[in-house]
Amino acid sequence: MEKGFKNSVYAILAIGALFIIGTISINIVLKNKLENFIQERLPDNMIRAFEDITVETFGGSLSVTNASLIIKNKNNNIEHTFINVEKLKISDISYWDYLFNDEIHIENITLENPTIAYYKDRVEKNKDTPSNGIISIYKPIVIDRIKINNTKLAIYEKSKDSTNLYTKGLSVELDGIRIDNNTIIRKIPIEYDTYKAKSDTVFVKVGPYENLTVRDFSIANRNARFEKLTLKTKYSKKELSRLITKERDHYDLTLQSLSIDNIDFGFESNRFFAKSDMVSLVAPILEVYRDKLVADDPKIKPLYGRMLRDLPFELTVDSLKITNGKIKYEERVKSENMGGSINFVELNATISNVSNTYEKPETTNLKITADFMDNTPFTAFWSFDVNNKNDAFLFKANVGALVADKMNSFTEPNLKVKLEGRTNKTYFTIDGNNENATTDMKINYSNFDVTLLRKDGKGEDKFLSAITNIFISKNSKNKEDNFKEGTAEATRDKTKSIFNFLWISVKAALTKIMI
C-alpha cells in the first residue's frame, strides 16, 4: 500500500511538474511568437514599442504594458498618428471556438489610459489603395466586450489654430462585437449590440470662426446627454468685423443641457442615416450680432424646408423641444454706434418632424411661446412641407400688448426712429414660399407717434416728424376691441435669411394699415 501510494504521489507530482513546465514553455513560445509578430509582421510604416508582454495560457489571456504605436505615410515617411497605451489586456480567449467553431472568440479587451494624437494634414492619400477588400480577416472575430478607459484624444490640422478636436477622460464600452470579411468592407466595419461612452471635456473646432465645447457627456442605452454646451465665435465682435470680407453673424450660444433619446445611426444602401425620438434643449441662451457695415454676402440663403431636403444624409427627429430659452439679436447699421437689439425671453418651443424622410401628408410644425422685449406675450405657429419644392410655408403669430418705446433700443440707433404709444393686440398670418408672401394682419393700437431723429441721432428732426405723423393713424379705433386690418404682399430677397423675409412681410402689412 505504501509503495502504491508513493507511486501515485510521484505520478501526480510528475504530472504537475510537466503541466507547470509545459505551461511555462507554451507561455514563453507564445510570448516570443507575439513579440515576433509585433516586430516583424506589422507593416513597415508602423513603428511599435512596448515594455513587457505577459501571456497566461491556462487563463487564455495576455497583457501588453506601456505600448506605443506611430503610423507614418508609406511614401514620404511623415509621421501622422501617435498612440500610447499604459496597458492592453485581452482576457478569456476561447481555444475551443478557435479549434472547433472556426472563429476567434475573446471575452474582454481592455485598454487603460490611451493617448492618441492624429495630424490629419500630414496624412498622404494613396490613390492606388482599393476601396474594398483592403483587409482580409482569416477567421471571424467575436468579442463580448471592449472597454477603453480614460482616453485622451486630440486631432490637429494645419493652421494657426491647429486643434480640431480634443477630449480627455473619454471612456467607451462596446458589447457584442463581430468583425468578419463582410463587415470589414462597410462604412462602419464592425457589428455591435450596445455601446456606452462618457467624457469629462470635449472641444471641437466647428469651422474657421466658431468653437464648440462640452463640459461632460454620457451615452448609454442609446440615450445621450451633454452638459454645459457652448458654441461661440472665437473672436470679439470688432475683431470678427475686421477679419471677414462678407457679412457673418457673431454667435454666443450656451446650453444648460442637451438630451438625445433613442439614438440610431448607420448606413443603408451606402447612405448615412441618423434618427432620434426626442431632442431636448434646456435653458439655451443665444446672442447673435450682425454688423451690417460689412459687405453683404450675395449667396442664396435657402429656406428651412430646402435645407432639410438637401442634407447629404437622412435625418429623422420625431420631436425637438426647447425649454426656457433666451434670444437676443443685435444689429449694427450705423458706424457711430454698436447698434440696437431685440430679445425674446421665457422661450419655449416644440418642433415635430424635423426630418427629410417623412412623406405627405406629414409636415414640419413649430409651436413657439415667448415674451418679446421682456414682457410682451408672443405665440407663433410655423409649418412647412420638406417635400414641397416651392418651399411653401405658413407662419401665424399673436403678439400681446407692447409699449412702443420698448422697440427704441433697436430703432433709434439703427433706423433713427423713435416710437411712442402702444399696440394692444396684433395678429398676423404669413402665407409664403421661396418667391413671395401674402400677409394678413389686424392690429389694435393707440396714441401712436413716430419721431424721426437727425442723422447724428441726438435730436428730433421736427419737420420730417410732423410730415410723417400726418400720414400715420394715431389709433386703430377708440375701443380696445376694435382692430384695423390689412393685407400686403412682399417679395423675397433670396440673399437674405428667412427672418428677413418674415420681417419685410410684417413691415409691409403694418405700413399699409397705419398709413
Protein backbone atom coordinates (compact mmCIF):
# COMPACT_ATOMS: atom_id res chain seq x y z
CA MET A 1 0.00 0.00 0.00
CA GLU A 2 2.75 2.37 0.95
CA LYS A 3 4.63 1.66 -2.25
CA GLY A 4 1.50 2.14 -4.35
CA PHE A 5 0.67 5.35 -2.54
CA LYS A 6 4.15 6.69 -3.08
CA ASN A 7 3.99 5.83 -6.76
CA SER A 8 0.69 7.68 -7.04
CA VAL A 9 2.12 10.75 -5.31
CA TYR A 10 5.17 10.68 -7.56
CA ALA A 11 2.96 10.33 -10.62
CA ILE A 12 0.81 13.29 -9.56
CA LEU A 13 3.88 15.40 -8.81
CA ALA A 14 5.40 14.45 -12.14
CA ILE A 15 2.23 15.31 -14.00
CA GLY A 16 2.00 18.60 -12.10
CA ALA A 17 5.60 19.42 -12.86
CA LEU A 18 5.10 18.56 -16.52
CA PHE A 19 1.97 20.74 -16.58
CA ILE A 20 3.80 23.66 -14.97
CA ILE A 21 6.81 23.24 -17.22
CA GLY A 22 4.56 22.85 -20.26
CA THR A 23 2.50 25.90 -19.35
CA ILE A 24 5.64 27.98 -18.79
CA SER A 25 7.10 26.71 -22.05
CA ILE A 26 3.92 27.43 -24.01
CA ASN A 27 3.73 30.88 -22.43
CA ILE A 28 7.33 31.56 -23.47
CA VAL A 29 6.71 30.26 -27.00
CA LEU A 30 3.51 32.30 -27.40
CA LYS A 31 5.18 35.37 -25.95
CA ASN A 32 8.05 35.02 -28.42
CA LYS A 33 5.65 34.50 -31.31
CA LEU A 34 3.65 37.56 -30.29
CA GLU A 35 6.81 39.65 -29.96
CA ASN A 36 7.99 38.43 -33.36
CA PHE A 37 4.61 39.25 -34.86
CA ILE A 38 4.72 42.77 -33.44
CA GLN A 39 8.29 43.31 -34.57
CA GLU A 40 8.18 41.61 -37.97
CA ARG A 41 4.65 41.09 -39.23
CA LEU A 42 3.17 44.57 -38.77
CA PRO A 43 3.55 46.91 -41.77
CA ASP A 44 6.82 48.82 -42.11
CA ASN A 45 5.07 52.19 -41.76
CA MET A 46 4.07 51.32 -38.17
CA ILE A 47 6.73 51.99 -35.53
CA ARG A 48 5.92 49.96 -32.42
CA ALA A 49 7.34 49.52 -28.97
CA PHE A 50 6.32 48.03 -25.62
CA GLU A 51 7.72 47.48 -22.17
CA ASP A 52 6.56 43.93 -21.49
CA ILE A 53 4.22 41.16 -22.66
CA THR A 54 2.62 38.68 -20.26
CA VAL A 55 0.91 35.53 -21.57
CA GLU A 56 -1.28 33.28 -19.42
CA THR A 57 -2.08 30.21 -21.49
CA PHE A 58 -4.17 28.48 -18.84
CA GLY A 59 -6.42 31.52 -18.37
CA GLY A 60 -6.40 32.38 -22.06
CA SER A 61 -5.21 35.96 -21.61
CA LEU A 62 -2.34 38.25 -22.48
CA SER A 63 -1.25 41.73 -21.40
CA VAL A 64 0.95 44.36 -23.02
CA THR A 65 2.23 47.24 -20.87
CA ASN A 66 3.36 50.70 -21.98
CA ALA A 67 2.75 50.01 -25.64
CA SER A 68 3.21 52.67 -28.30
CA LEU A 69 2.47 52.86 -32.00
CA ILE A 70 3.48 55.52 -34.52
CA ILE A 71 1.95 55.40 -38.00
CA LYS A 72 3.62 57.17 -40.90
CA ASN A 73 3.00 57.55 -44.61
CA LYS A 74 4.40 54.78 -46.80
CA ASN A 75 5.87 57.09 -49.43
CA ASN A 76 7.32 60.06 -47.57
CA ASN A 77 7.70 58.60 -44.03
CA ILE A 78 5.90 61.56 -42.41
CA GLU A 79 4.50 60.54 -39.03
CA HIS A 80 0.83 61.40 -38.52
CA THR A 81 -0.64 59.17 -35.79
CA PHE A 82 0.76 58.64 -32.28
CA ILE A 83 -0.79 56.12 -29.87
CA ASN A 84 0.32 55.24 -26.34
CA VAL A 85 -1.45 52.75 -24.06
CA GLU A 86 -0.47 52.09 -20.45
CA LYS A 87 -1.97 48.61 -20.52
CA LEU A 88 -3.69 46.43 -23.09
CA LYS A 89 -5.29 43.27 -21.72
CA ILE A 90 -7.02 40.52 -23.70
CA SER A 91 -8.87 38.11 -21.43
CA ASP A 92 -10.51 34.70 -21.85
CA ILE A 93 -9.54 33.68 -25.36
CA SER A 94 -11.61 30.63 -26.29
CA TYR A 95 -9.38 27.88 -27.70
CA TRP A 96 -12.46 25.69 -28.21
CA ASP A 97 -14.09 28.21 -30.59
CA TYR A 98 -10.79 28.69 -32.38
CA LEU A 99 -10.29 24.93 -32.95
CA PHE A 100 -13.87 23.75 -33.50
CA ASN A 101 -16.05 26.75 -34.42
CA ASP A 102 -13.55 28.36 -36.76
CA GLU A 103 -13.70 31.77 -35.08
CA ILE A 104 -11.62 33.86 -32.73
CA HIS A 105 -13.70 34.43 -29.61
CA ILE A 106 -12.48 36.82 -26.91
CA GLU A 107 -14.44 37.69 -23.80
CA ASN A 108 -12.82 41.02 -22.89
CA ILE A 109 -10.38 43.55 -24.30
CA THR A 110 -9.39 46.44 -22.05
CA LEU A 111 -7.24 49.49 -22.85
CA GLU A 112 -6.13 51.65 -19.93
CA ASN A 113 -5.24 55.35 -20.28
CA PRO A 114 -4.64 55.53 -24.03
CA THR A 115 -3.33 58.78 -25.51
CA ILE A 116 -3.98 59.40 -29.20
CA ALA A 117 -2.74 62.29 -31.35
CA TYR A 118 -3.69 62.48 -35.04
CA TYR A 119 -2.39 65.08 -37.51
CA LYS A 120 -4.88 64.96 -40.36
CA ASP A 121 -2.97 67.37 -42.63
CA ARG A 122 0.08 65.05 -42.61
CA VAL A 123 -1.77 62.03 -43.99
CA GLU A 124 -0.82 61.20 -47.55
CA LYS A 125 -3.74 59.98 -49.63
CA ASN A 126 -2.84 56.86 -51.56
CA LYS A 127 -4.74 56.88 -54.85
CA ASP A 128 -3.74 53.31 -55.59
CA THR A 129 -5.44 51.90 -52.50
CA PRO A 130 -8.53 49.85 -53.49
CA SER A 131 -11.80 50.96 -51.95
CA ASN A 132 -12.96 47.47 -50.92
CA GLY A 133 -11.31 44.40 -49.54
CA ILE A 134 -8.16 46.10 -48.30
CA ILE A 135 -8.08 43.79 -45.28
CA SER A 136 -8.80 40.07 -45.22
CA ILE A 137 -9.99 38.50 -41.96
CA TYR A 138 -8.52 34.99 -41.52
CA LYS A 139 -11.24 33.94 -39.07
CA PRO A 140 -14.33 35.84 -37.85
CA ILE A 141 -13.57 37.75 -34.66
CA VAL A 142 -16.17 37.79 -31.88
CA ILE A 143 -15.54 39.98 -28.82
CA ASP A 144 -18.01 40.03 -25.95
CA ARG A 145 -16.81 43.39 -24.62
CA ILE A 146 -14.26 46.11 -25.40
CA LYS A 147 -13.56 48.74 -22.74
CA ILE A 148 -11.38 51.79 -23.37
CA ASN A 149 -10.82 53.75 -20.18
CA ASN A 150 -9.73 57.35 -19.61
CA THR A 151 -8.69 58.25 -23.15
CA LYS A 152 -7.03 61.50 -24.15
CA LEU A 153 -7.67 62.21 -27.84
CA ALA A 154 -6.52 65.12 -30.00
CA ILE A 155 -6.93 65.74 -33.72
CA TYR A 156 -4.87 68.50 -35.31
CA GLU A 157 -4.89 70.23 -38.68
CA LYS A 158 -2.52 72.59 -40.42
CA SER A 159 -3.47 76.10 -39.36
CA LYS A 160 -2.59 78.74 -36.80
CA ASP A 161 -5.42 77.45 -34.63
CA SER A 162 -4.48 73.82 -35.19
CA THR A 163 -6.57 71.87 -32.64
CA ASN A 164 -9.54 70.38 -34.47
CA LEU A 165 -10.84 68.15 -31.68
CA TYR A 166 -9.74 67.47 -28.11
CA THR A 167 -11.22 65.36 -25.37
CA LYS A 168 -9.97 63.91 -22.10
CA GLY A 169 -11.44 61.38 -19.70
CA LEU A 170 -13.13 59.62 -22.61
CA SER A 171 -14.29 56.08 -21.83
CA VAL A 172 -16.04 53.82 -24.32
CA GLU A 173 -17.59 50.38 -23.98
CA LEU A 174 -18.81 48.19 -26.86
CA ASP A 175 -20.64 44.89 -26.33
CA GLY A 176 -21.38 42.07 -28.75
CA ILE A 177 -18.78 42.91 -31.40
CA ARG A 178 -18.30 40.90 -34.57
CA ILE A 179 -15.74 41.50 -37.34
CA ASP A 180 -15.53 39.41 -40.49
CA ASN A 181 -14.89 39.77 -44.20
CA ASN A 182 -18.43 41.06 -44.75
CA THR A 183 -18.30 43.78 -42.09
CA ILE A 184 -14.74 44.94 -42.80
CA ILE A 185 -15.68 46.47 -46.18
CA ARG A 186 -18.59 48.52 -44.77
CA LYS A 187 -18.51 52.19 -43.82
CA ILE A 188 -18.74 51.06 -40.18
CA PRO A 189 -16.53 47.95 -40.32
CA ILE A 190 -17.92 46.19 -37.23
CA GLU A 191 -21.22 44.95 -35.89
CA TYR A 192 -22.13 45.56 -32.25
CA ASP A 193 -25.10 45.18 -29.91
CA THR A 194 -24.77 48.06 -27.44
CA TYR A 195 -22.39 50.89 -26.65
CA LYS A 196 -21.64 53.35 -23.85
CA ALA A 197 -19.45 56.42 -23.73
CA LYS A 198 -18.67 59.29 -21.39
CA SER A 199 -16.16 62.11 -21.24
CA ASP A 200 -15.18 64.99 -18.99
CA THR A 201 -14.22 67.62 -21.55
CA VAL A 202 -14.83 67.99 -25.28
CA PHE A 203 -13.57 70.72 -27.61
CA VAL A 204 -14.42 70.84 -31.32
CA LYS A 205 -13.44 73.46 -33.87
CA VAL A 206 -16.59 73.55 -35.99
CA GLY A 207 -15.19 75.98 -38.53
CA PRO A 208 -12.74 78.85 -39.03
CA TYR A 209 -14.74 81.13 -36.72
CA GLU A 210 -16.67 79.04 -34.15
CA ASN A 211 -15.69 76.59 -31.39
CA LEU A 212 -17.87 74.05 -29.59
CA THR A 213 -17.20 72.93 -26.01
CA VAL A 214 -18.97 70.44 -23.75
CA ARG A 215 -18.23 70.12 -20.05
CA ASP A 216 -19.14 66.43 -19.99
CA PHE A 217 -21.35 63.96 -21.80
CA SER A 218 -22.61 60.42 -21.47
CA ILE A 219 -24.23 57.96 -23.85
CA ALA A 220 -25.93 54.80 -22.58
CA ASN A 221 -28.82 52.65 -23.74
CA ARG A 222 -28.99 54.75 -26.94
CA ASN A 223 -29.65 57.93 -24.92
CA ALA A 224 -27.17 60.82 -24.88
CA ARG A 225 -26.85 63.77 -22.53
CA PHE A 226 -24.49 66.73 -22.91
CA GLU A 227 -23.94 69.19 -20.04
CA LYS A 228 -22.87 72.85 -20.27
CA LEU A 229 -22.56 73.06 -24.03
CA THR A 230 -21.29 76.25 -25.67
CA LEU A 231 -20.97 77.32 -29.30
CA LYS A 232 -19.16 80.63 -29.62
CA THR A 233 -17.40 82.79 -32.15
CA LYS A 234 -13.78 82.78 -31.01
CA TYR A 235 -13.23 86.43 -31.95
CA SER A 236 -14.72 89.56 -30.42
CA LYS A 237 -17.37 91.43 -32.42
CA LYS A 238 -14.91 94.07 -33.56
CA GLU A 239 -12.23 91.50 -34.42
CA LEU A 240 -14.69 89.45 -36.48
CA SER A 241 -15.73 92.53 -38.45
CA ARG A 242 -12.08 93.25 -39.24
CA LEU A 243 -11.38 89.67 -40.33
CA ILE A 244 -14.36 88.97 -42.60
CA THR A 245 -14.97 90.43 -46.04
CA LYS A 246 -18.65 89.42 -46.19
CA GLU A 247 -21.43 89.69 -43.65
CA ARG A 248 -21.38 86.97 -40.99
CA ASP A 249 -23.16 86.59 -37.64
CA HIS A 250 -21.26 86.63 -34.35
CA TYR A 251 -22.62 83.81 -32.13
CA ASP A 252 -22.69 83.19 -28.41
CA LEU A 253 -24.78 80.13 -27.50
CA THR A 254 -24.84 78.34 -24.17
CA LEU A 255 -26.96 75.33 -23.24
CA GLN A 256 -27.57 74.00 -19.76
CA SER A 257 -28.13 70.54 -21.24
CA LEU A 258 -28.84 68.75 -24.48
CA SER A 259 -30.52 65.34 -24.49
CA ILE A 260 -30.98 62.99 -27.43
CA ASP A 261 -33.25 59.98 -26.84
CA ASN A 262 -33.26 56.62 -28.61
CA ILE A 263 -30.39 57.35 -30.98
CA ASP A 264 -29.93 55.20 -34.05
CA PHE A 265 -27.41 55.75 -36.82
CA GLY A 266 -25.58 53.87 -39.52
CA PHE A 267 -25.60 53.28 -43.24
CA GLU A 268 -28.34 51.98 -45.52
CA SER A 269 -27.50 51.49 -49.19
CA ASN A 270 -24.25 53.36 -48.56
CA ARG A 271 -26.16 56.45 -47.30
CA PHE A 272 -25.72 57.63 -43.72
CA PHE A 273 -28.81 57.99 -41.53
CA ALA A 274 -29.42 59.43 -38.05
CA LYS A 275 -32.60 59.02 -36.00
CA SER A 276 -33.94 60.12 -32.62
CA ASP A 277 -37.33 60.09 -30.92
CA MET A 278 -36.69 63.30 -28.99
CA VAL A 279 -34.07 66.06 -28.81
CA SER A 280 -34.36 68.39 -25.79
CA LEU A 281 -32.57 71.72 -25.28
CA VAL A 282 -32.79 73.09 -21.72
CA ALA A 283 -32.16 76.78 -20.99
CA PRO A 284 -30.48 77.81 -24.25
CA ILE A 285 -29.19 81.39 -24.28
CA LEU A 286 -28.40 82.67 -27.76
CA GLU A 287 -26.92 86.06 -28.60
CA VAL A 288 -26.49 86.95 -32.27
CA TYR A 289 -24.77 90.09 -33.50
CA ARG A 290 -24.63 91.24 -37.11
CA ASP A 291 -22.51 94.11 -38.38
CA LYS A 292 -24.41 95.48 -41.40
CA LEU A 293 -21.46 97.75 -42.23
CA VAL A 294 -19.66 94.67 -43.59
CA ALA A 295 -20.43 93.88 -47.24
CA ASP A 296 -23.48 91.68 -47.88
CA ASP A 297 -22.99 88.02 -48.66
CA PRO A 298 -24.63 87.56 -52.10
CA LYS A 299 -25.09 83.79 -51.71
CA ILE A 300 -28.62 82.42 -51.95
CA LYS A 301 -29.97 81.62 -48.47
CA PRO A 302 -32.20 78.52 -48.64
CA LEU A 303 -35.36 78.29 -46.55
CA TYR A 304 -35.53 75.63 -43.85
CA GLY A 305 -37.51 73.18 -45.98
CA ARG A 306 -34.81 73.12 -48.62
CA MET A 307 -32.03 72.99 -46.02
CA LEU A 308 -33.52 69.77 -44.62
CA ARG A 309 -34.31 68.40 -48.06
CA ASP A 310 -30.74 68.92 -49.30
CA LEU A 311 -28.93 67.36 -46.34
CA PRO A 312 -26.33 64.82 -47.54
CA PHE A 313 -27.75 62.22 -45.13
CA GLU A 314 -31.14 61.01 -43.89
CA LEU A 315 -32.28 62.79 -40.71
CA THR A 316 -35.31 61.73 -38.67
CA VAL A 317 -36.09 63.54 -35.41
CA ASP A 318 -39.67 62.92 -34.29
CA SER A 319 -39.75 65.79 -31.83
CA LEU A 320 -37.49 68.65 -30.72
CA LYS A 321 -38.21 70.60 -27.54
CA ILE A 322 -36.77 73.91 -26.31
CA THR A 323 -37.36 74.88 -22.67
CA ASN A 324 -36.80 78.28 -21.02
CA GLY A 325 -34.72 79.81 -23.77
CA LYS A 326 -33.49 83.35 -24.38
CA ILE A 327 -32.62 85.00 -27.70
CA LYS A 328 -31.04 88.40 -28.20
CA TYR A 329 -30.41 89.82 -31.67
CA GLU A 330 -28.20 92.87 -32.17
CA GLU A 331 -27.70 94.66 -35.45
CA ARG A 332 -25.29 97.45 -36.27
CA VAL A 333 -26.32 99.68 -39.17
CA LYS A 334 -24.61 102.99 -38.34
CA SER A 335 -20.87 103.43 -37.87
CA GLU A 336 -21.28 105.85 -34.97
CA ASN A 337 -22.67 103.19 -32.59
CA MET A 338 -22.65 99.43 -31.95
CA GLY A 339 -26.31 99.04 -32.93
CA GLY A 340 -29.51 98.10 -31.17
CA SER A 341 -31.16 94.90 -30.03
CA ILE A 342 -34.41 92.98 -29.70
CA ASN A 343 -34.95 89.97 -27.47
CA PHE A 344 -37.15 87.03 -26.57
CA VAL A 345 -37.18 85.53 -23.07
CA GLU A 346 -39.03 82.60 -21.46
CA LEU A 347 -38.97 80.98 -24.89
CA ASN A 348 -40.49 77.51 -25.17
CA ALA A 349 -40.93 75.60 -28.40
CA THR A 350 -41.90 72.19 -29.71
CA ILE A 351 -40.96 71.12 -33.23
CA SER A 352 -42.32 67.94 -34.79
CA ASN A 353 -40.95 66.02 -37.77
CA VAL A 354 -37.51 67.59 -38.10
CA SER A 355 -36.75 65.31 -40.99
CA ASN A 356 -36.13 64.75 -44.67
CA THR A 357 -37.56 61.22 -44.62
CA TYR A 358 -41.26 61.86 -43.97
CA GLU A 359 -43.77 61.71 -46.80
CA LYS A 360 -47.02 63.58 -47.34
CA PRO A 361 -49.22 64.49 -45.57
CA GLU A 362 -46.65 64.88 -42.77
CA THR A 363 -45.30 68.41 -42.27
CA THR A 364 -42.72 70.04 -40.02
CA ASN A 365 -44.52 72.09 -37.35
CA LEU A 366 -43.20 74.62 -34.85
CA LYS A 367 -45.18 75.91 -31.86
CA ILE A 368 -43.49 78.78 -30.04
CA THR A 369 -44.32 80.84 -26.95
CA ALA A 370 -42.16 83.62 -25.53
CA ASP A 371 -42.07 87.10 -24.02
CA PHE A 372 -41.00 89.65 -26.62
CA MET A 373 -38.95 92.61 -25.35
CA ASP A 374 -39.16 91.20 -21.82
CA ASN A 375 -42.92 91.29 -21.13
CA THR A 376 -44.97 91.19 -24.34
CA PRO A 377 -46.63 87.75 -24.80
CA PHE A 378 -45.80 86.21 -28.16
CA THR A 379 -47.08 82.95 -29.66
CA ALA A 380 -46.41 81.56 -33.13
CA PHE A 381 -47.18 78.55 -35.28
CA TRP A 382 -44.92 77.75 -38.23
CA SER A 383 -45.49 74.94 -40.70
CA PHE A 384 -43.81 73.75 -43.90
CA ASP A 385 -43.53 70.61 -46.04
CA VAL A 386 -39.98 69.43 -46.70
CA ASN A 387 -41.09 67.76 -49.93
CA ASN A 388 -42.60 70.96 -51.37
CA LYS A 389 -40.12 72.19 -53.99
CA ASN A 390 -41.60 75.72 -53.83
CA ASP A 391 -40.84 75.79 -50.06
CA ALA A 392 -44.36 76.89 -49.20
CA PHE A 393 -44.82 77.79 -45.53
CA LEU A 394 -47.39 79.22 -43.15
CA PHE A 395 -46.43 81.47 -40.23
CA LYS A 396 -49.08 82.64 -37.75
CA ALA A 397 -48.36 84.89 -34.76
CA ASN A 398 -50.21 86.55 -31.90
CA VAL A 399 -48.47 89.50 -30.20
CA GLY A 400 -49.78 90.95 -26.93
CA ALA A 401 -49.60 94.50 -25.57
CA LEU A 402 -46.36 96.26 -26.48
CA VAL A 403 -45.31 99.69 -25.28
CA ALA A 404 -43.79 101.15 -28.43
CA ASP A 405 -40.79 102.75 -26.74
CA LYS A 406 -39.57 99.23 -25.87
CA MET A 407 -38.53 98.99 -29.52
CA ASN A 408 -36.47 102.17 -29.35
CA SER A 409 -33.35 100.32 -28.22
CA PHE A 410 -33.36 98.85 -31.73
CA THR A 411 -35.00 101.54 -33.88
CA GLU A 412 -33.12 104.60 -32.56
CA PRO A 413 -29.51 103.51 -33.24
CA ASN A 414 -30.35 101.59 -36.43
CA LEU A 415 -33.27 103.41 -38.07
CA LYS A 416 -33.04 106.86 -36.41
CA VAL A 417 -36.71 106.43 -35.49
CA LYS A 418 -38.25 106.92 -32.04
CA LEU A 419 -41.65 105.34 -31.33
CA GLU A 420 -44.29 106.33 -28.77
CA GLY A 421 -47.67 104.84 -27.97
CA ARG A 422 -48.92 101.31 -27.55
CA THR A 423 -50.03 98.32 -29.58
CA ASN A 424 -52.65 96.41 -27.62
CA LYS A 425 -53.02 93.29 -29.74
CA THR A 426 -51.60 92.15 -33.08
CA TYR A 427 -52.45 89.12 -35.18
CA PHE A 428 -50.83 88.24 -38.48
CA THR A 429 -50.60 85.30 -40.87
CA ILE A 430 -47.86 85.00 -43.49
CA ASP A 431 -48.59 82.63 -46.37
CA GLY A 432 -45.36 82.40 -48.33
CA ASN A 433 -42.96 80.42 -50.46
CA ASN A 434 -39.45 80.86 -51.85
CA GLU A 435 -40.56 83.77 -54.08
CA ASN A 436 -43.14 85.92 -52.25
CA ALA A 437 -45.58 86.10 -49.37
CA THR A 438 -49.01 87.49 -48.56
CA THR A 439 -49.56 88.82 -45.04
CA ASP A 440 -52.94 89.32 -43.40
CA MET A 441 -52.77 91.49 -40.29
CA LYS A 442 -55.11 93.04 -37.78
CA ILE A 443 -53.92 95.32 -35.01
CA ASN A 444 -55.31 97.38 -32.17
CA TYR A 445 -53.14 100.34 -31.14
CA SER A 446 -53.47 103.75 -29.52
CA ASN A 447 -51.69 107.13 -29.28
CA PHE A 448 -49.08 106.13 -31.82
CA ASP A 449 -46.43 108.70 -32.76
CA VAL A 450 -43.24 108.46 -34.78
CA THR A 451 -40.32 110.80 -34.15
CA LEU A 452 -37.64 110.93 -36.84
CA LEU A 453 -34.21 111.73 -35.44
CA ARG A 454 -31.42 113.73 -37.01
CA LYS A 455 -28.62 111.80 -38.70
CA ASP A 456 -26.42 112.04 -35.61
CA GLY A 457 -29.28 110.55 -33.53
CA LYS A 458 -29.03 113.33 -30.91
CA GLY A 459 -32.22 115.22 -31.58
CA GLU A 460 -35.57 115.28 -33.36
CA ASP A 461 -35.97 116.25 -36.99
CA LYS A 462 -39.19 118.17 -36.26
CA PHE A 463 -40.14 118.91 -39.86
CA LEU A 464 -39.90 115.30 -41.07
CA SER A 465 -41.60 114.02 -37.89
CA ALA A 466 -44.55 116.33 -38.44
CA ILE A 467 -44.90 115.25 -42.08
CA THR A 468 -44.70 111.56 -41.14
CA ASN A 469 -47.35 111.78 -38.42
CA ILE A 470 -49.81 113.40 -40.82
CA PHE A 471 -49.97 110.09 -42.67
CA ILE A 472 -49.96 107.75 -39.66
CA SER A 473 -53.23 106.89 -37.94
CA LYS A 474 -52.74 107.52 -34.24
CA ASN A 475 -55.38 104.99 -33.15
CA SER A 476 -56.89 101.85 -34.61
CA LYS A 477 -60.26 102.98 -33.16
CA ASN A 478 -61.31 104.31 -29.82
CA LYS A 479 -62.49 100.98 -28.47
CA GLU A 480 -59.89 98.44 -27.41
CA ASP A 481 -61.80 95.57 -29.01
CA ASN A 482 -61.69 97.13 -32.48
CA PHE A 483 -58.92 96.42 -34.96
CA LYS A 484 -57.55 97.87 -38.13
CA GLU A 485 -56.95 95.21 -40.77
CA GLY A 486 -54.90 94.98 -43.93
CA THR A 487 -53.28 92.66 -46.43
CA ALA A 488 -49.94 93.23 -48.13
CA GLU A 489 -47.52 91.37 -50.34
CA ALA A 490 -43.74 91.13 -50.13
CA THR A 491 -41.10 89.73 -52.47
CA ARG A 492 -38.29 87.71 -51.00
CA ASP A 493 -34.66 88.78 -51.35
CA LYS A 494 -33.08 85.32 -51.68
CA THR A 495 -29.72 86.60 -50.50
CA LYS A 496 -31.32 87.33 -47.10
CA SER A 497 -32.40 84.91 -44.37
CA ILE A 498 -35.91 83.63 -43.67
CA PHE A 499 -36.14 86.04 -40.72
CA ASN A 500 -35.55 88.99 -43.05
CA PHE A 501 -38.40 87.63 -45.21
CA LEU A 502 -40.72 87.42 -42.19
CA TRP A 503 -39.75 90.94 -41.13
CA ILE A 504 -40.36 92.62 -44.51
CA SER A 505 -43.69 90.77 -44.76
CA VAL A 506 -44.82 92.12 -41.37
CA LYS A 507 -43.49 95.58 -42.17
CA ALA A 508 -45.41 95.70 -45.46
CA ALA A 509 -48.71 94.85 -43.73
CA LEU A 510 -48.06 97.22 -40.82
CA THR A 511 -47.23 100.09 -43.17
CA LYS A 512 -50.40 99.53 -45.19
CA ILE A 513 -52.57 99.51 -42.07
CA MET A 514 -51.11 102.58 -40.35
CA ILE A 515 -50.63 104.86 -43.35
